Amino acid sequence: MENINIILFVFLIFTMLNGTNILVDLEGEGNCIMILEGIDVAADGDTVLVLPGRYYENIDFSGKTIIVESRLLMTGNNYFISHTIIDSNQTGTCFLVNSGEGEVTLLCEFTLCNGSGIYEVNGGYGSL
């Protein structure tokens, strides 16, 4: 298991070095104030770095092969998992990855809450 974590970490660092980093900050100090805005301006291979806060939104990766992450991977501090929150406020799923995104599309180290999911004729999926 430790080898898998090391491989994933090396891969993420390599990906971050080859793409653009887009900073999301609710306080307005980054490139965007909402995660979805960061995803919208991202291109394949980019990383959307999300600073701590409660983000009331529904995330859709829209077919992009990108990484969306809290600051944990860059700092190693577990604080960022519980303090970087995607809250769907019961308005749907917290995030969607269903539009042909690549295998290396990642959502890393967030707290997800209040997702109500997506309901279809044959059942529902995506709630957290």
C-alpha atoms as a PDB file:
ATOM      1  CA  MET A   1       0.000   0.000   0.000  1.00  0.00           C
ATOM      2  CA  GLU A   2       2.862   2.367   0.798  1.00  0.00           C
ATOM      3  CA  ASN A   3       4.320   1.830  -2.698  1.00  0.00           C
ATOM      4  CA  ILE A   4       1.008   2.841  -4.280  1.00  0.00           C
ATOM      5  CA  ASN A   5       0.973   6.060  -2.231  1.00  0.00           C
ATOM      6  CA  ILE A   6       4.534   6.868  -3.288  1.00  0.00           C
ATOM      7  CA  ILE A   7       3.723   6.234  -6.955  1.00  0.00           C
ATOM      8  CA  LEU A   8       0.586   8.398  -6.735  1.00  0.00           C
ATOM      9  CA  PHE A   9       2.531  11.195  -5.028  1.00  0.00           C
ATOM     10  CA  VAL A  10       5.287  11.138  -7.670  1.00  0.00           C
ATOM     11  CA  PHE A  11       2.662  11.118 -10.440  1.00  0.00           C
ATOM     12  CA  LEU A  12       0.837  14.088  -8.919  1.00  0.00           C
ATOM     13  CA  ILE A  13       4.044  16.086  -8.548  1.00  0.00           C
ATOM     14  CA  PHE A  14       4.998  15.315 -12.175  1.00  0.00           C
ATOM     15  CA  THR A  15       1.535  16.364 -13.370  1.00  0.00           C
ATOM     16  CA  MET A  16       1.609  19.585 -11.338  1.00  0.00           C
ATOM     17  CA  LEU A  17       4.992  20.517 -12.790  1.00  0.00           C
ATOM     18  CA  ASN A  18       3.805  20.026 -16.376  1.00  0.00           C
ATOM     19  CA  GLY A  19       0.477  21.848 -16.170  1.00  0.00           C
ATOM     20  CA  THR A  20      -0.718  25.187 -14.908  1.00  0.00           C
ATOM     21  CA  ASN A  21      -1.722  25.608 -11.271  1.00  0.00           C
ATOM     22  CA  ILE A  22      -4.984  27.496 -10.764  1.00  0.00           C
ATOM     23  CA  LEU A  23      -5.516  28.789  -7.230  1.00  0.00           C
ATOM     24  CA  VAL A  24      -9.049  28.906  -5.779  1.00  0.00           C
ATOM     25  CA  ASP A  25      -9.556  31.097  -2.718  1.00  0.00           C
ATOM     26  CA  LEU A  26     -12.864  32.255  -1.219  1.00  0.00           C
ATOM     27  CA  GLU A  27     -11.119  35.429  -0.026  1.00  0.00           C
ATOM     28  CA  GLY A  28     -10.343  36.495  -3.608  1.00  0.00           C
ATOM     29  CA  GLU A  29      -6.562  36.156  -3.350  1.00  0.00           C
ATOM     30  CA  GLY A  30      -6.349  33.418  -6.014  1.00  0.00           C
ATOM     31  CA  ASN A  31      -7.257  33.100  -9.678  1.00  0.00           C
ATOM     32  CA  CYS A  32     -10.874  32.189  -8.823  1.00  0.00           C
ATOM     33  CA  ILE A  33     -13.220  32.229  -5.825  1.00  0.00           C
ATOM     34  CA  MET A  34     -15.188  29.077  -6.746  1.00  0.00           C
ATOM     35  CA  ILE A  35     -13.898  25.592  -7.574  1.00  0.00           C
ATOM     36  CA  LEU A  36     -16.092  25.332 -10.670  1.00  0.00           C
ATOM     37  CA  GLU A  37     -14.587  28.574 -12.002  1.00  0.00           C
ATOM     38  CA  GLY A  38     -11.146  27.009 -11.624  1.00  0.00           C
ATOM     39  CA  ILE A  39     -12.277  23.913 -13.497  1.00  0.00           C
ATOM     40  CA  ASP A  40     -13.811  26.054 -16.237  1.00  0.00           C
ATOM     41  CA  VAL A  41     -10.512  27.858 -16.939  1.00  0.00           C
ATOM     42  CA  ALA A  42      -8.378  24.715 -16.535  1.00  0.00           C
ATOM     43  CA  ALA A  43      -7.046  22.738 -19.476  1.00  0.00           C
ATOM     44  CA  ASP A  44      -6.120  19.054 -19.549  1.00  0.00           C
ATOM     45  CA  GLY A  45      -3.061  18.487 -17.352  1.00  0.00           C
ATOM     46  CA  ASP A  46      -3.723  21.475 -15.066  1.00  0.00           C
ATOM     47  CA  THR A  47      -4.130  21.379 -11.299  1.00  0.00           C
ATOM     48  CA  VAL A  48      -6.819  23.324  -9.443  1.00  0.00           C
ATOM     49  CA  LEU A  49      -5.467  24.043  -5.938  1.00  0.00           C
ATOM     50  CA  VAL A  50      -8.231  24.853  -3.466  1.00  0.00           C
ATOM     51  CA  LEU A  51      -7.522  26.799  -0.281  1.00  0.00           C
ATOM     52  CA  PRO A  52      -9.482  26.004   2.919  1.00  0.00           C
ATOM     53  CA  GLY A  53     -13.110  27.070   3.151  1.00  0.00           C
ATOM     54  CA  ARG A  54     -16.657  25.811   2.628  1.00  0.00           C
ATOM     55  CA  TYR A  55     -17.507  25.878  -1.073  1.00  0.00           C
ATOM     56  CA  TYR A  56     -21.269  25.697  -1.694  1.00  0.00           C
ATOM     57  CA  GLU A  57     -21.341  24.277  -5.186  1.00  0.00           C
ATOM     58  CA  ASN A  58     -21.772  21.245  -7.395  1.00  0.00           C
ATOM     59  CA  ILE A  59     -18.604  20.269  -9.232  1.00  0.00           C
ATOM     60  CA  ASP A  60     -18.634  18.888 -12.785  1.00  0.00           C
ATOM     61  CA  PHE A  61     -15.291  18.025 -14.366  1.00  0.00           C
ATOM     62  CA  SER A  62     -16.851  18.576 -17.830  1.00  0.00           C
ATOM     63  CA  GLY A  63     -14.654  16.019 -19.580  1.00  0.00           C
ATOM     64  CA  LYS A  64     -11.357  17.557 -18.419  1.00  0.00           C
ATOM     65  CA  THR A  65      -8.388  15.472 -17.316  1.00  0.00           C
ATOM     66  CA  ILE A  66      -7.286  17.603 -14.369  1.00  0.00           C
ATOM     67  CA  ILE A  67      -6.484  17.365 -10.680  1.00  0.00           C
ATOM     68  CA  VAL A  68      -8.588  19.251  -8.134  1.00  0.00           C
ATOM     69  CA  GLU A  69      -6.967  19.137  -4.713  1.00  0.00           C
ATOM     70  CA  SER A  70      -6.783  20.713  -1.307  1.00  0.00           C
ATOM     71  CA  ARG A  71      -3.404  21.798  -0.015  1.00  0.00           C
ATOM     72  CA  LEU A  72      -2.734  18.447   1.714  1.00  0.00           C
ATOM     73  CA  LEU A  73      -0.606  17.008  -1.093  1.00  0.00           C
ATOM     74  CA  MET A  74       1.600  20.082  -1.187  1.00  0.00           C
ATOM     75  CA  THR A  75       2.001  20.417   2.575  1.00  0.00           C
ATOM     76  CA  GLY A  76       1.404  16.942   4.051  1.00  0.00           C
ATOM     77  CA  ASN A  77      -0.849  18.570   6.679  1.00  0.00           C
ATOM     78  CA  ASN A  78      -4.105  16.654   7.316  1.00  0.00           C
ATOM     79  CA  TYR A  79      -5.706  19.895   8.513  1.00  0.00           C
ATOM     80  CA  PHE A  80      -6.636  20.701   4.922  1.00  0.00           C
ATOM     81  CA  ILE A  81      -8.933  17.671   4.483  1.00  0.00           C
ATOM     82  CA  SER A  82     -11.406  18.730   7.169  1.00  0.00           C
ATOM     83  CA  HIS A  83     -11.132  22.440   6.383  1.00  0.00           C
ATOM     84  CA  THR A  84     -11.595  22.298   2.618  1.00  0.00           C
ATOM     85  CA  ILE A  85     -15.252  21.388   2.121  1.00  0.00           C
ATOM     86  CA  ILE A  86     -17.471  20.917  -0.906  1.00  0.00           C
ATOM     87  CA  ASP A  87     -21.040  21.373   0.351  1.00  0.00           C
ATOM     88  CA  SER A  88     -23.759  20.681  -2.207  1.00  0.00           C
ATOM     89  CA  ASN A  89     -26.451  22.072   0.088  1.00  0.00           C
ATOM     90  CA  GLN A  90     -28.840  19.271  -1.000  1.00  0.00           C
ATOM     91  CA  THR A  91     -28.891  20.598  -4.590  1.00  0.00           C
ATOM     92  CA  GLY A  92     -27.376  17.543  -6.287  1.00  0.00           C
ATOM     93  CA  THR A  93     -24.217  15.514  -6.169  1.00  0.00           C
ATOM     94  CA  CYS A  94     -21.019  17.046  -4.758  1.00  0.00           C
ATOM     95  CA  PHE A  95     -19.090  16.226  -7.925  1.00  0.00           C
ATOM     96  CA  LEU A  96     -19.529  14.543 -11.297  1.00  0.00           C
ATOM     97  CA  VAL A  97     -16.927  12.700 -13.315  1.00  0.00           C
ATOM     98  CA  ASN A  98     -19.017  11.206 -16.102  1.00  0.00           C
ATOM     99  CA  SER A  99     -18.187  13.056 -19.314  1.00  0.00           C
ATOM    100  CA  GLY A 100     -15.244  11.072 -20.654  1.00  0.00           C
ATOM    101  CA  GLU A 101     -12.587  12.431 -18.299  1.00  0.00           C
ATOM    102  CA  GLY A 102      -9.186  10.734 -18.477  1.00  0.00           C
ATOM    103  CA  GLU A 103      -7.922   8.103 -16.074  1.00  0.00           C
ATOM    104  CA  VAL A 104      -5.838  10.641 -14.181  1.00  0.00           C
ATOM    105  CA  THR A 105      -8.722  12.975 -13.359  1.00  0.00           C
ATOM    106  CA  LEU A 106      -8.594  13.296  -9.575  1.00  0.00           C
ATOM    107  CA  LEU A 107     -10.451  14.965  -6.730  1.00  0.00           C
ATOM    108  CA  CYS A 108      -8.078  14.753  -3.755  1.00  0.00           C
ATOM    109  CA  GLU A 109      -8.405  15.309  -0.031  1.00  0.00           C
ATOM    110  CA  PHE A 110     -11.681  17.173   0.536  1.00  0.00           C
ATOM    111  CA  THR A 111     -14.580  16.798   2.917  1.00  0.00           C
ATOM    112  CA  LEU A 112     -17.779  16.257   0.907  1.00  0.00           C
ATOM    113  CA  CYS A 113     -21.188  16.870   2.455  1.00  0.00           C
ATOM    114  CA  ASN A 114     -24.884  17.444   1.819  1.00  0.00           C
ATOM    115  CA  GLY A 115     -24.967  15.862  -1.625  1.00  0.00           C
ATOM    116  CA  SER A 116     -28.434  14.716  -2.627  1.00  0.00           C
ATOM    117  CA  GLY A 117     -27.334  12.633  -5.611  1.00  0.00           C
ATOM    118  CA  ILE A 118     -28.731  12.214  -9.081  1.00  0.00           C
ATOM    119  CA  TYR A 119     -31.871  10.186  -9.620  1.00  0.00           C
ATOM    120  CA  GLU A 120     -32.686   8.381 -12.836  1.00  0.00           C
ATOM    121  CA  VAL A 121     -35.397   5.931 -13.880  1.00  0.00           C
ATOM    122  CA  ASN A 122     -33.213   2.920 -13.007  1.00  0.00           C
ATOM    123  CA  GLY A 123     -31.891   4.301  -9.729  1.00  0.00           C
ATOM    124  CA  GLY A 124     -29.699   7.015  -8.296  1.00  0.00           C
ATOM    125  CA  TYR A 125     -26.016   7.601  -7.911  1.00  0.00           C
ATOM    126  CA  GLY A 126     -23.529  10.160  -6.719  1.00  0.00           C
ATOM    127  CA  SER A 127     -24.878  11.189  -3.339  1.00  0.00           C
ATOM    128  CA  LEU A 128     -22.642  11.997  -0.397  1.00  0.00           C
END
